[in-house]
C-alpha atoms as a PDB file:
ATOM      1  CA  MET A   1      12.614  -6.430 -15.076  1.00  0.00           C
ATOM      2  CA  THR A   2      12.463  -8.504 -11.921  1.00  0.00           C
ATOM      3  CA  GLU A   3       9.876  -8.004  -9.211  1.00  0.00           C
ATOM      4  CA  GLN A   4      12.553  -6.556  -6.947  1.00  0.00           C
ATOM      5  CA  GLU A   5      13.677  -4.085  -9.621  1.00  0.00           C
ATOM      6  CA  LEU A   6      10.082  -3.006 -10.163  1.00  0.00           C
ATOM      7  CA  TYR A   7       9.540  -2.596  -6.444  1.00  0.00           C
ATOM      8  CA  ILE A   8      12.669  -0.445  -6.129  1.00  0.00           C
ATOM      9  CA  LYS A   9      11.595   1.665  -9.106  1.00  0.00           C
ATOM     10  CA  LEU A  10       8.172   2.201  -7.509  1.00  0.00           C
ATOM     11  CA  ILE A  11       9.387   3.204  -4.028  1.00  0.00           C
ATOM     12  CA  PRO A  12       8.664   6.936  -4.592  1.00  0.00           C
ATOM     13  CA  GLU A  13       5.120   6.139  -5.759  1.00  0.00           C
ATOM     14  CA  ILE A  14       4.571   3.721  -2.863  1.00  0.00           C
ATOM     15  CA  ALA A  15       5.667   6.465  -0.471  1.00  0.00           C
ATOM     16  CA  LYS A  16       3.122   8.855  -2.009  1.00  0.00           C
ATOM     17  CA  ILE A  17       0.392   6.230  -1.666  1.00  0.00           C
ATOM     18  CA  ALA A  18       1.359   5.604   1.953  1.00  0.00           C
ATOM     19  CA  GLU A  19       1.168   9.331   2.683  1.00  0.00           C
ATOM     20  CA  GLN A  20      -2.311   9.562   1.160  1.00  0.00           C
ATOM     21  CA  CYS A  21      -3.455   6.479   3.075  1.00  0.00           C
ATOM     22  CA  ARG A  22      -2.132   7.922   6.325  1.00  0.00           C
ATOM     23  CA  LYS A  23      -4.816  10.576   6.076  1.00  0.00           C
ATOM     24  CA  MET A  24      -7.631   8.021   5.763  1.00  0.00           C
ATOM     25  CA  ASP A  25      -9.527   6.672   8.740  1.00  0.00           C
ATOM     26  CA  GLU A  26      -9.571   2.893   9.251  1.00  0.00           C
ATOM     27  CA  GLU A  27     -12.913   2.349   7.539  1.00  0.00           C
ATOM     28  CA  MET A  28     -12.015   4.413   4.491  1.00  0.00           C
ATOM     29  CA  TYR A  29      -8.599   2.750   4.218  1.00  0.00           C
ATOM     30  CA  ALA A  30     -10.058  -0.764   4.479  1.00  0.00           C
ATOM     31  CA  ALA A  31     -12.606  -0.016   1.751  1.00  0.00           C
ATOM     32  CA  TRP A  32      -9.970   1.562  -0.497  1.00  0.00           C
ATOM     33  CA  LYS A  33      -7.566  -1.353   0.020  1.00  0.00           C
ATOM     34  CA  LYS A  34     -10.265  -3.924  -0.741  1.00  0.00           C
ATOM     35  CA  GLU A  35     -11.240  -2.070  -3.913  1.00  0.00           C
ATOM     36  CA  ILE A  36      -7.641  -1.882  -5.111  1.00  0.00           C
ATOM     37  CA  ILE A  37      -6.939  -5.562  -4.468  1.00  0.00           C
ATOM     38  CA  THR A  38     -10.164  -6.813  -6.033  1.00  0.00           C
ATOM     39  CA  SER A  39      -9.780  -4.610  -9.114  1.00  0.00           C
ATOM     40  CA  THR A  40      -6.184  -5.678  -9.707  1.00  0.00           C
ATOM     41  CA  PRO A  41      -5.633  -8.296 -12.430  1.00  0.00           C
ATOM     42  CA  ASP A  42      -4.786 -11.764 -11.121  1.00  0.00           C
ATOM     43  CA  GLU A  43      -1.356 -11.643 -12.744  1.00  0.00           C
ATOM     44  CA  VAL A  44      -0.167  -8.847 -10.440  1.00  0.00           C
ATOM     45  CA  ARG A  45      -2.411  -9.296  -7.408  1.00  0.00           C
ATOM     46  CA  ASN A  46       0.356 -10.871  -5.286  1.00  0.00           C
ATOM     47  CA  PHE A  47       2.627  -7.929  -6.068  1.00  0.00           C
ATOM     48  CA  ILE A  48      -0.107  -5.466  -5.055  1.00  0.00           C
ATOM     49  CA  ARG A  49      -0.617  -7.405  -1.808  1.00  0.00           C
ATOM     50  CA  LYS A  50       3.088  -6.957  -1.054  1.00  0.00           C
ATOM     51  CA  ILE A  51       2.795  -3.224  -1.661  1.00  0.00           C
ATOM     52  CA  MET A  52      -0.277  -3.103   0.580  1.00  0.00           C
ATOM     53  CA  ALA A  53       1.673  -4.890   3.322  1.00  0.00           C
ATOM     54  CA  VAL A  54       4.239  -2.083   3.176  1.00  0.00           C
ATOM     55  CA  VAL A  55       1.517   0.570   3.264  1.00  0.00           C
ATOM     56  CA  ASP A  56      -0.134  -1.220   6.212  1.00  0.00           C
ATOM     57  CA  LYS A  57       3.154  -1.246   8.095  1.00  0.00           C
ATOM     58  CA  VAL A  58       3.857   2.418   7.417  1.00  0.00           C
ATOM     59  CA  ARG A  59       0.333   3.431   8.503  1.00  0.00           C
ATOM     60  CA  LYS A  60       0.693   1.428  11.708  1.00  0.00           C
ATOM     61  CA  GLU A  61       4.078   2.998  12.482  1.00  0.00           C
ATOM     62  CA  TRP A  62       2.680   6.492  11.904  1.00  0.00           C
ATOM     63  CA  GLN A  63      -0.300   5.726  14.147  1.00  0.00           C
ATOM     64  CA  CYS A  64       2.023   4.503  16.902  1.00  0.00           C
ATOM     65  CA  ALA A  65       4.232   7.588  16.537  1.00  0.00           C
ATOM     66  CA  VAL A  66       1.265   9.930  16.768  1.00  0.00           C
ATOM     67  CA  GLY A  67      -0.136   7.906  19.629  1.00  0.00           C
END
């Protein structure tokens, strides 16, 4: 399975994560994100960072929409 195929397969789970993260304040989200990245094995850390970039973007868009 390629990275792209895995990413596509995980889109529903990423959406659920983004929804949960939307409910966190900035401090809680930053701590959670740091914990996830540091606890992720080196072999997949870059992939997790890409997922976190998507979650960051979604959170920012939601914050802008809510205003």
